[in-house]
C-alpha atoms as a PDB file:
ATOM      1  CA  MET A   1       0.000   0.000   0.000  1.00  0.00           C
ATOM      2  CA  ILE A   2       2.794   2.376   0.948  1.00  0.00           C
ATOM      3  CA  SER A   3       4.624   1.641  -2.302  1.00  0.00           C
ATOM      4  CA  VAL A   4       1.479   2.404  -4.337  1.00  0.00           C
ATOM      5  CA  ILE A   5       1.023   5.749  -2.560  1.00  0.00           C
ATOM      6  CA  SER A   6       4.679   6.623  -3.094  1.00  0.00           C
ATOM      7  CA  ASP A   7       4.404   5.800  -6.807  1.00  0.00           C
ATOM      8  CA  LYS A   8       1.365   8.072  -7.138  1.00  0.00           C
ATOM      9  CA  ALA A   9       3.195  10.817  -5.264  1.00  0.00           C
ATOM     10  CA  LYS A  10       6.169  10.492  -7.610  1.00  0.00           C
ATOM     11  CA  ARG A  11       3.926  10.743 -10.677  1.00  0.00           C
ATOM     12  CA  ILE A  12       2.238  13.829  -9.242  1.00  0.00           C
ATOM     13  CA  TRP A  13       5.557  15.492  -8.495  1.00  0.00           C
ATOM     14  CA  ARG A  14       6.711  14.768 -12.028  1.00  0.00           C
ATOM     15  CA  LEU A  15       3.666  16.636 -13.347  1.00  0.00           C
ATOM     16  CA  VAL A  16       4.214  19.679 -11.109  1.00  0.00           C
ATOM     17  CA  PRO A  17       6.741  21.400 -13.458  1.00  0.00           C
ATOM     18  CA  ASN A  18       4.338  20.942 -16.385  1.00  0.00           C
ATOM     19  CA  TYR A  19       1.440  22.510 -14.495  1.00  0.00           C
ATOM     20  CA  VAL A  20       3.637  25.338 -13.240  1.00  0.00           C
ATOM     21  CA  PHE A  21       4.808  26.068 -16.782  1.00  0.00           C
ATOM     22  CA  LEU A  22       1.245  25.944 -18.156  1.00  0.00           C
ATOM     23  CA  SER A  23       0.006  28.230 -15.362  1.00  0.00           C
ATOM     24  CA  ILE A  24       2.709  30.795 -16.101  1.00  0.00           C
ATOM     25  CA  ALA A  25       2.009  30.592 -19.845  1.00  0.00           C
ATOM     26  CA  SER A  26      -1.728  31.084 -19.199  1.00  0.00           C
ATOM     27  CA  VAL A  27      -1.111  34.166 -17.059  1.00  0.00           C
ATOM     28  CA  VAL A  28       1.223  35.643 -19.666  1.00  0.00           C
ATOM     29  CA  SER A  29      -1.344  34.986 -22.414  1.00  0.00           C
ATOM     30  CA  ILE A  30      -4.320  36.391 -20.512  1.00  0.00           C
ATOM     31  CA  PHE A  31      -2.567  39.417 -19.014  1.00  0.00           C
ATOM     32  CA  PRO A  32      -2.770  41.626 -22.175  1.00  0.00           C
ATOM     33  CA  LEU A  33      -6.543  41.044 -22.323  1.00  0.00           C
ATOM     34  CA  TYR A  34      -6.863  41.815 -18.627  1.00  0.00           C
ATOM     35  CA  PHE A  35      -4.791  44.988 -18.930  1.00  0.00           C
ATOM     36  CA  MET A  36      -6.846  46.106 -21.930  1.00  0.00           C
ATOM     37  CA  ALA A  37     -10.139  45.582 -20.074  1.00  0.00           C
ATOM     38  CA  VAL A  38      -8.875  47.304 -16.937  1.00  0.00           C
ATOM     39  CA  SER A  39      -7.386  50.239 -18.870  1.00  0.00           C
ATOM     40  CA  ALA A  40     -10.756  50.875 -20.532  1.00  0.00           C
ATOM     41  CA  THR A  41     -12.059  51.893 -17.095  1.00  0.00           C
ATOM     42  CA  ASN A  42      -9.135  54.167 -16.196  1.00  0.00           C
ATOM     43  CA  THR A  43      -8.031  57.647 -17.187  1.00  0.00           C
ATOM     44  CA  SER A  44      -5.267  58.276 -19.697  1.00  0.00           C
ATOM     45  CA  GLN A  45      -2.789  59.117 -16.927  1.00  0.00           C
ATOM     46  CA  GLU A  46      -3.648  55.927 -15.053  1.00  0.00           C
ATOM     47  CA  VAL A  47      -3.144  53.868 -18.204  1.00  0.00           C
ATOM     48  CA  LEU A  48       0.269  55.426 -18.743  1.00  0.00           C
ATOM     49  CA  GLY A  49       1.014  54.663 -15.110  1.00  0.00           C
ATOM     50  CA  SER A  50       0.212  50.988 -15.763  1.00  0.00           C
ATOM     51  CA  LYS A  51      -2.565  50.825 -13.197  1.00  0.00           C
ATOM     52  CA  LEU A  52      -3.649  47.198 -12.846  1.00  0.00           C
ATOM     53  CA  LEU A  53      -6.908  47.702 -10.947  1.00  0.00           C
ATOM     54  CA  PRO A  54     -10.279  48.726 -12.454  1.00  0.00           C
ATOM     55  CA  GLY A  55     -11.226  52.378 -12.214  1.00  0.00           C
ATOM     56  CA  GLY A  56     -14.398  54.405 -12.461  1.00  0.00           C
ATOM     57  CA  ASN A  57     -13.775  56.241 -15.720  1.00  0.00           C
ATOM     58  CA  LEU A  58     -15.534  53.817 -18.088  1.00  0.00           C
ATOM     59  CA  ALA A  59     -18.565  56.038 -18.685  1.00  0.00           C
ATOM     60  CA  GLU A  60     -16.376  59.094 -19.285  1.00  0.00           C
ATOM     61  CA  ASN A  61     -14.181  57.197 -21.725  1.00  0.00           C
ATOM     62  CA  TRP A  62     -17.282  56.040 -23.603  1.00  0.00           C
ATOM     63  CA  ARG A  63     -18.703  59.584 -23.795  1.00  0.00           C
ATOM     64  CA  ASN A  64     -15.415  60.963 -25.103  1.00  0.00           C
ATOM     65  CA  LEU A  65     -15.068  58.140 -27.625  1.00  0.00           C
ATOM     66  CA  VAL A  66     -18.591  58.544 -28.968  1.00  0.00           C
ATOM     67  CA  ALA A  67     -18.451  62.352 -28.978  1.00  0.00           C
ATOM     68  CA  ASN A  68     -15.348  62.522 -31.147  1.00  0.00           C
ATOM     69  CA  ASN A  69     -15.844  59.451 -33.371  1.00  0.00           C
ATOM     70  CA  ASP A  70     -18.675  57.767 -35.249  1.00  0.00           C
ATOM     71  CA  VAL A  71     -18.288  54.475 -33.405  1.00  0.00           C
ATOM     72  CA  GLY A  72     -21.685  53.125 -34.424  1.00  0.00           C
ATOM     73  CA  ARG A  73     -21.018  53.559 -38.124  1.00  0.00           C
ATOM     74  CA  ALA A  74     -17.551  52.011 -37.823  1.00  0.00           C
ATOM     75  CA  LEU A  75     -18.986  49.014 -35.955  1.00  0.00           C
ATOM     76  CA  LEU A  76     -21.703  48.601 -38.574  1.00  0.00           C
ATOM     77  CA  ALA A  77     -19.188  48.766 -41.425  1.00  0.00           C
ATOM     78  CA  SER A  78     -16.867  46.242 -39.779  1.00  0.00           C
ATOM     79  CA  PHE A  79     -19.755  43.903 -38.952  1.00  0.00           C
ATOM     80  CA  VAL A  80     -21.337  43.985 -42.417  1.00  0.00           C
ATOM     81  CA  ILE A  81     -18.002  43.558 -44.199  1.00  0.00           C
ATOM     82  CA  ALA A  82     -16.800  40.751 -41.908  1.00  0.00           C
ATOM     83  CA  VAL A  83     -20.073  38.806 -42.069  1.00  0.00           C
ATOM     84  CA  ALA A  84     -20.367  39.202 -45.848  1.00  0.00           C
ATOM     85  CA  ILE A  85     -16.779  38.061 -46.391  1.00  0.00           C
ATOM     86  CA  THR A  86     -17.253  35.094 -44.044  1.00  0.00           C
ATOM     87  CA  VAL A  87     -20.497  33.858 -45.627  1.00  0.00           C
ATOM     88  CA  LEU A  88     -19.354  34.296 -49.224  1.00  0.00           C
ATOM     89  CA  SER A  89     -15.899  32.864 -48.537  1.00  0.00           C
ATOM     90  CA  LEU A  90     -17.331  29.754 -46.892  1.00  0.00           C
ATOM     91  CA  LEU A  91     -19.647  29.194 -49.843  1.00  0.00           C
ATOM     92  CA  VAL A  92     -17.103  29.806 -52.616  1.00  0.00           C
ATOM     93  CA  CYS A  93     -14.112  28.102 -50.998  1.00  0.00           C
ATOM     94  CA  SER A  94     -16.081  25.051 -49.893  1.00  0.00           C
ATOM     95  CA  ILE A  95     -17.442  24.565 -53.412  1.00  0.00           C
ATOM     96  CA  ALA A  96     -13.919  24.949 -54.817  1.00  0.00           C
ATOM     97  CA  GLY A  97     -12.396  22.550 -52.278  1.00  0.00           C
ATOM     98  CA  TYR A  98     -15.206  20.071 -52.907  1.00  0.00           C
ATOM     99  CA  GLY A  99     -14.635  20.243 -56.652  1.00  0.00           C
ATOM    100  CA  PHE A 100     -10.854  19.925 -56.400  1.00  0.00           C
ATOM    101  CA  GLU A 101     -11.076  16.722 -54.342  1.00  0.00           C
ATOM    102  CA  ILE A 102     -14.300  14.986 -55.345  1.00  0.00           C
ATOM    103  CA  TYR A 103     -13.706  15.572 -59.078  1.00  0.00           C
ATOM    104  CA  HIS A 104      -9.982  14.998 -58.797  1.00  0.00           C
ATOM    105  CA  SER A 105      -7.721  15.154 -61.841  1.00  0.00           C
ATOM    106  CA  LYS A 106      -4.117  16.011 -62.705  1.00  0.00           C
ATOM    107  CA  GLY A 107      -5.192  19.293 -64.267  1.00  0.00           C
ATOM    108  CA  LYS A 108      -6.826  20.339 -61.001  1.00  0.00           C
ATOM    109  CA  ASP A 109      -3.604  19.489 -59.164  1.00  0.00           C
ATOM    110  CA  VAL A 110      -1.754  21.935 -61.432  1.00  0.00           C
ATOM    111  CA  VAL A 111      -4.341  24.642 -60.761  1.00  0.00           C
ATOM    112  CA  MET A 112      -4.096  23.981 -57.026  1.00  0.00           C
ATOM    113  CA  ALA A 113      -0.311  24.264 -57.176  1.00  0.00           C
ATOM    114  CA  ILE A 114      -0.647  27.633 -58.908  1.00  0.00           C
ATOM    115  CA  LEU A 115      -3.050  28.781 -56.190  1.00  0.00           C
ATOM    116  CA  LEU A 116      -0.599  27.722 -53.504  1.00  0.00           C
ATOM    117  CA  LEU A 117       2.180  29.633 -55.254  1.00  0.00           C
ATOM    118  CA  ALA A 118      -0.097  32.683 -55.169  1.00  0.00           C
ATOM    119  CA  MET A 119       0.022  32.512 -51.361  1.00  0.00           C
ATOM    120  CA  MET A 120       3.704  33.462 -51.574  1.00  0.00           C
ATOM    121  CA  ILE A 121       2.928  36.806 -53.232  1.00  0.00           C
ATOM    122  CA  PRO A 122       2.625  39.547 -50.585  1.00  0.00           C
ATOM    123  CA  PHE A 123      -0.520  41.639 -50.621  1.00  0.00           C
ATOM    124  CA  ALA A 124       1.532  44.819 -51.009  1.00  0.00           C
ATOM    125  CA  ALA A 125       2.559  43.607 -54.483  1.00  0.00           C
ATOM    126  CA  THR A 126      -1.067  43.295 -55.630  1.00  0.00           C
ATOM    127  CA  MET A 127      -2.531  46.261 -53.783  1.00  0.00           C
ATOM    128  CA  ILE A 128      -1.856  48.897 -56.477  1.00  0.00           C
ATOM    129  CA  PRO A 129      -3.287  46.791 -59.355  1.00  0.00           C
ATOM    130  CA  LEU A 130      -6.330  46.023 -57.209  1.00  0.00           C
ATOM    131  CA  PHE A 131      -6.808  49.705 -56.440  1.00  0.00           C
ATOM    132  CA  GLN A 132      -6.615  50.632 -60.125  1.00  0.00           C
ATOM    133  CA  LEU A 133      -9.035  47.824 -61.017  1.00  0.00           C
ATOM    134  CA  PHE A 134     -11.714  48.907 -58.561  1.00  0.00           C
ATOM    135  CA  ARG A 135     -11.232  52.570 -59.391  1.00  0.00           C
ATOM    136  CA  ASN A 136     -11.763  51.813 -63.087  1.00  0.00           C
ATOM    137  CA  MET A 137     -14.862  49.833 -62.142  1.00  0.00           C
ATOM    138  CA  HIS A 138     -16.137  52.901 -60.213  1.00  0.00           C
ATOM    139  CA  MET A 139     -16.188  50.923 -56.970  1.00  0.00           C
ATOM    140  CA  TYR A 140     -13.698  53.068 -55.077  1.00  0.00           C
ATOM    141  CA  GLY A 141     -14.973  53.795 -51.597  1.00  0.00           C
ATOM    142  CA  SER A 142     -17.627  51.055 -51.571  1.00  0.00           C
ATOM    143  CA  TRP A 143     -17.832  48.089 -49.238  1.00  0.00           C
ATOM    144  CA  PHE A 144     -17.893  45.784 -52.274  1.00  0.00           C
ATOM    145  CA  ALA A 145     -14.296  46.742 -53.020  1.00  0.00           C
ATOM    146  CA  VAL A 146     -13.324  45.413 -49.591  1.00  0.00           C
ATOM    147  CA  ILE A 147     -15.465  42.282 -49.764  1.00  0.00           C
ATOM    148  CA  ILE A 148     -14.780  40.968 -53.288  1.00  0.00           C
ATOM    149  CA  PRO A 149     -10.960  40.424 -53.029  1.00  0.00           C
ATOM    150  CA  ALA A 150     -11.388  38.469 -49.787  1.00  0.00           C
ATOM    151  CA  ILE A 151     -14.136  36.100 -50.964  1.00  0.00           C
ATOM    152  CA  SER A 152     -11.742  33.399 -52.149  1.00  0.00           C
ATOM    153  CA  THR A 153      -8.327  32.628 -50.679  1.00  0.00           C
ATOM    154  CA  PRO A 154      -5.957  29.739 -51.518  1.00  0.00           C
ATOM    155  CA  PHE A 155      -5.661  28.810 -47.855  1.00  0.00           C
ATOM    156  CA  MET A 156      -9.423  28.335 -47.413  1.00  0.00           C
ATOM    157  CA  ILE A 157      -9.668  26.316 -50.628  1.00  0.00           C
ATOM    158  CA  LEU A 158      -6.787  24.127 -49.431  1.00  0.00           C
ATOM    159  CA  LEU A 159      -8.462  23.704 -46.039  1.00  0.00           C
ATOM    160  CA  PHE A 160     -11.692  22.444 -47.589  1.00  0.00           C
ATOM    161  CA  ARG A 161      -9.835  20.313 -50.110  1.00  0.00           C
ATOM    162  CA  GLN A 162      -7.825  18.556 -47.409  1.00  0.00           C
ATOM    163  CA  SER A 163     -10.937  18.042 -45.276  1.00  0.00           C
ATOM    164  CA  SER A 164     -12.811  16.634 -48.283  1.00  0.00           C
ATOM    165  CA  ARG A 165     -10.306  13.781 -48.460  1.00  0.00           C
ATOM    166  CA  ASN A 166     -11.967  12.317 -45.367  1.00  0.00           C
ATOM    167  CA  PHE A 167     -15.408  12.542 -46.965  1.00  0.00           C
ATOM    168  CA  PRO A 168     -16.741   9.030 -47.776  1.00  0.00           C
ATOM    169  CA  HIS A 169     -17.085   8.619 -51.523  1.00  0.00           C
ATOM    170  CA  GLU A 170     -19.450   5.687 -50.974  1.00  0.00           C
ATOM    171  CA  VAL A 171     -22.031   8.152 -49.663  1.00  0.00           C
ATOM    172  CA  LEU A 172     -21.746  10.132 -52.893  1.00  0.00           C
ATOM    173  CA  GLU A 173     -22.302   7.067 -55.026  1.00  0.00           C
ATOM    174  CA  ALA A 174     -25.284   5.997 -52.941  1.00  0.00           C
ATOM    175  CA  ALA A 175     -26.825   9.477 -53.156  1.00  0.00           C
ATOM    176  CA  ARG A 176     -26.368   9.558 -56.934  1.00  0.00           C
ATOM    177  CA  LEU A 177     -27.976   6.154 -57.272  1.00  0.00           C
ATOM    178  CA  ASP A 178     -30.940   7.459 -55.261  1.00  0.00           C
ATOM    179  CA  GLY A 179     -31.356  10.248 -57.806  1.00  0.00           C
ATOM    180  CA  LEU A 180     -29.956  13.134 -55.756  1.00  0.00           C
ATOM    181  CA  ARG A 181     -28.305  15.796 -57.910  1.00  0.00           C
ATOM    182  CA  GLU A 182     -24.870  17.266 -57.267  1.00  0.00           C
ATOM    183  CA  LEU A 183     -26.219  20.460 -55.716  1.00  0.00           C
ATOM    184  CA  GLY A 184     -28.426  18.419 -53.401  1.00  0.00           C
ATOM    185  CA  ILE A 185     -25.483  16.223 -52.434  1.00  0.00           C
ATOM    186  CA  PHE A 186     -23.408  19.278 -51.618  1.00  0.00           C
ATOM    187  CA  VAL A 187     -26.097  21.049 -49.585  1.00  0.00           C
ATOM    188  CA  ARG A 188     -27.770  18.105 -47.861  1.00  0.00           C
ATOM    189  CA  ILE A 189     -24.837  15.740 -47.323  1.00  0.00           C
ATOM    190  CA  TYR A 190     -21.470  17.481 -47.725  1.00  0.00           C
ATOM    191  CA  MET A 191     -22.174  20.679 -45.765  1.00  0.00           C
ATOM    192  CA  PRO A 192     -23.623  18.976 -42.645  1.00  0.00           C
ATOM    193  CA  THR A 193     -20.802  16.432 -42.658  1.00  0.00           C
ATOM    194  CA  MET A 194     -18.152  19.157 -42.864  1.00  0.00           C
ATOM    195  CA  ARG A 195     -19.609  21.483 -40.220  1.00  0.00           C
ATOM    196  CA  ALA A 196     -16.408  21.294 -38.121  1.00  0.00           C
ATOM    197  CA  THR A 197     -14.387  22.480 -41.128  1.00  0.00           C
ATOM    198  CA  TYR A 198     -16.942  25.221 -41.747  1.00  0.00           C
ATOM    199  CA  ALA A 199     -16.599  26.328 -38.117  1.00  0.00           C
ATOM    200  CA  ALA A 200     -12.796  26.467 -38.370  1.00  0.00           C
ATOM    201  CA  ALA A 201     -12.944  28.346 -41.674  1.00  0.00           C
ATOM    202  CA  ALA A 202     -15.582  30.754 -40.318  1.00  0.00           C
ATOM    203  CA  THR A 203     -13.435  31.538 -37.273  1.00  0.00           C
ATOM    204  CA  ILE A 204     -10.306  32.241 -39.316  1.00  0.00           C
ATOM    205  CA  THR A 205     -12.119  34.199 -42.028  1.00  0.00           C
ATOM    206  CA  PHE A 206     -14.123  36.357 -39.627  1.00  0.00           C
ATOM    207  CA  MET A 207     -11.043  37.225 -37.568  1.00  0.00           C
ATOM    208  CA  ASN A 208      -9.060  38.190 -40.660  1.00  0.00           C
ATOM    209  CA  ALA A 209     -11.930  40.226 -42.098  1.00  0.00           C
ATOM    210  CA  TRP A 210     -12.699  41.954 -38.803  1.00  0.00           C
ATOM    211  CA  ASN A 211      -9.066  42.898 -38.159  1.00  0.00           C
ATOM    212  CA  ASN A 212      -8.247  43.807 -41.765  1.00  0.00           C
ATOM    213  CA  PHE A 213      -6.672  47.260 -41.856  1.00  0.00           C
ATOM    214  CA  MET A 214      -4.457  47.914 -44.878  1.00  0.00           C
ATOM    215  CA  TRP A 215      -6.865  47.300 -47.763  1.00  0.00           C
ATOM    216  CA  PRO A 216      -9.893  49.093 -46.212  1.00  0.00           C
ATOM    217  CA  ARG A 217      -7.590  51.994 -45.387  1.00  0.00           C
ATOM    218  CA  VAL A 218      -6.550  52.227 -49.042  1.00  0.00           C
ATOM    219  CA  ILE A 219      -9.842  51.596 -50.846  1.00  0.00           C
ATOM    220  CA  LEU A 220     -12.396  53.249 -48.546  1.00  0.00           C
ATOM    221  CA  LYS A 221     -13.032  56.983 -48.677  1.00  0.00           C
ATOM    222  CA  PRO A 222     -11.860  59.156 -45.755  1.00  0.00           C
ATOM    223  CA  GLY A 223     -15.431  59.562 -44.502  1.00  0.00           C
ATOM    224  CA  THR A 224     -15.946  55.799 -44.396  1.00  0.00           C
ATOM    225  CA  GLN A 225     -14.028  53.756 -41.873  1.00  0.00           C
ATOM    226  CA  THR A 226     -14.034  50.393 -40.187  1.00  0.00           C
ATOM    227  CA  LEU A 227     -13.214  49.875 -36.529  1.00  0.00           C
ATOM    228  CA  PRO A 228      -9.465  49.185 -37.055  1.00  0.00           C
ATOM    229  CA  ILE A 229      -9.209  52.417 -39.054  1.00  0.00           C
ATOM    230  CA  LEU A 230     -11.036  54.314 -36.294  1.00  0.00           C
ATOM    231  CA  ILE A 231      -8.604  52.912 -33.722  1.00  0.00           C
ATOM    232  CA  SER A 232      -5.620  53.993 -35.811  1.00  0.00           C
ATOM    233  CA  ASN A 233      -7.090  57.512 -36.055  1.00  0.00           C
ATOM    234  CA  LEU A 234      -7.269  57.740 -32.258  1.00  0.00           C
ATOM    235  CA  THR A 235      -3.467  57.821 -32.141  1.00  0.00           C
ATOM    236  CA  ALA A 236      -3.080  60.319 -34.988  1.00  0.00           C
ATOM    237  CA  GLY A 237      -3.538  63.483 -32.921  1.00  0.00           C
ATOM    238  CA  TYR A 238      -1.104  65.416 -30.773  1.00  0.00           C
ATOM    239  CA  VAL A 239      -2.700  64.093 -27.566  1.00  0.00           C
ATOM    240  CA  THR A 240      -3.910  60.515 -27.258  1.00  0.00           C
ATOM    241  CA  ASP A 241      -6.714  59.564 -24.901  1.00  0.00           C
ATOM    242  CA  TYR A 242      -5.429  56.162 -23.872  1.00  0.00           C
ATOM    243  CA  GLY A 243      -8.536  55.354 -21.855  1.00  0.00           C
ATOM    244  CA  GLY A 244     -10.751  55.851 -24.902  1.00  0.00           C
ATOM    245  CA  LEU A 245      -8.206  54.033 -27.061  1.00  0.00           C
ATOM    246  CA  MET A 246      -8.249  50.989 -24.800  1.00  0.00           C
ATOM    247  CA  LEU A 247     -12.049  51.043 -24.767  1.00  0.00           C
ATOM    248  CA  ALA A 248     -12.115  51.060 -28.579  1.00  0.00           C
ATOM    249  CA  VAL A 249      -9.605  48.200 -28.704  1.00  0.00           C
ATOM    250  CA  LEU A 250     -11.760  46.277 -26.224  1.00  0.00           C
ATOM    251  CA  LEU A 251     -14.829  46.782 -28.430  1.00  0.00           C
ATOM    252  CA  ALA A 252     -12.861  45.578 -31.442  1.00  0.00           C
ATOM    253  CA  SER A 253     -11.616  42.485 -29.611  1.00  0.00           C
ATOM    254  CA  LEU A 254     -14.896  41.268 -28.120  1.00  0.00           C
ATOM    255  CA  PRO A 255     -16.514  39.858 -31.313  1.00  0.00           C
ATOM    256  CA  THR A 256     -13.487  37.768 -32.248  1.00  0.00           C
ATOM    257  CA  VAL A 257     -13.071  36.513 -28.677  1.00  0.00           C
ATOM    258  CA  VAL A 258     -16.733  35.521 -28.455  1.00  0.00           C
ATOM    259  CA  ILE A 259     -16.687  33.736 -31.821  1.00  0.00           C
ATOM    260  CA  PHE A 260     -13.525  31.832 -30.953  1.00  0.00           C
ATOM    261  CA  LEU A 261     -14.884  30.757 -27.548  1.00  0.00           C
ATOM    262  CA  VAL A 262     -18.151  29.591 -29.097  1.00  0.00           C
ATOM    263  CA  LEU A 263     -16.505  27.690 -31.954  1.00  0.00           C
ATOM    264  CA  GLN A 264     -13.245  26.605 -30.319  1.00  0.00           C
ATOM    265  CA  ARG A 265     -14.140  22.894 -30.123  1.00  0.00           C
ATOM    266  CA  SER A 266     -15.334  22.766 -33.730  1.00  0.00           C
ATOM    267  CA  PHE A 267     -12.330  24.887 -34.722  1.00  0.00           C
ATOM    268  CA  ALA A 268      -9.934  22.315 -33.271  1.00  0.00           C
ATOM    269  CA  GLU A 269     -11.803  19.431 -34.922  1.00  0.00           C
ATOM    270  CA  GLY A 270     -11.845  21.202 -38.302  1.00  0.00           C
ATOM    271  CA  ILE A 271      -8.131  21.996 -38.256  1.00  0.00           C
ATOM    272  CA  THR A 272      -7.276  18.452 -37.090  1.00  0.00           C
ATOM    273  CA  GLY A 273      -9.418  16.938 -39.830  1.00  0.00           C
ATOM    274  CA  ALA A 274      -7.738  19.076 -42.460  1.00  0.00           C
ATOM    275  CA  ILE A 275      -4.276  18.063 -41.260  1.00  0.00           C
ATOM    276  CA  LYS A 276      -5.175  14.373 -41.351  1.00  0.00           C
END
């Protein structure tokens, strides 16, 4: 009995360094979020003084932020653009990934390789041609100019293609024998089966669209701005209200945090399935 207890004690002590390391890593990871939330309730001087306790200046920071900036319009623009990009990207990229894998051929492998090579081209190299294209199409300053370039990305197509490799082809053959058309197979069988992949893709796409700064800054008119652009403008003056700035950053972070927490299990399953 004593030997069994000592063995358990040894195993526990061996795990102590792991738990200590994980606890420290968790604190380090969470601390920036905590400091951001706390700073949103403090004055600018208290933020600069690195005050770590909540204050009573939240209402004042909100009044100053709303009085000097059109926060509602920026939130609406960011929300509409991010949701539109997410929905359209999931639809287009899932259809493309489905087609690349289910209707596999050597020609499609060549096209996929070209798409993957396109991932190596930095956005700064394509930004000027994109700007000229949308200006010639008289779409400068519109939300469509922000949404359209982000609808399809090689990474999302690759994600759905890799996940489609685990899709049972026997189900497809059985559905075709039952008279179900390809669109019905995709909507009624493929999409429900791949909901974990859809959740992972939705999380990544929404975060990228919500936090996108460079392209909206270039293509949108000065009077139109998303939330990241509004946050950048808060630091453009001679005096920065750090309390209001932290409150704006907190508002910008909440949607992505909520979506990740809600979809984190499906996100992990979707990424794991794609890797397999």
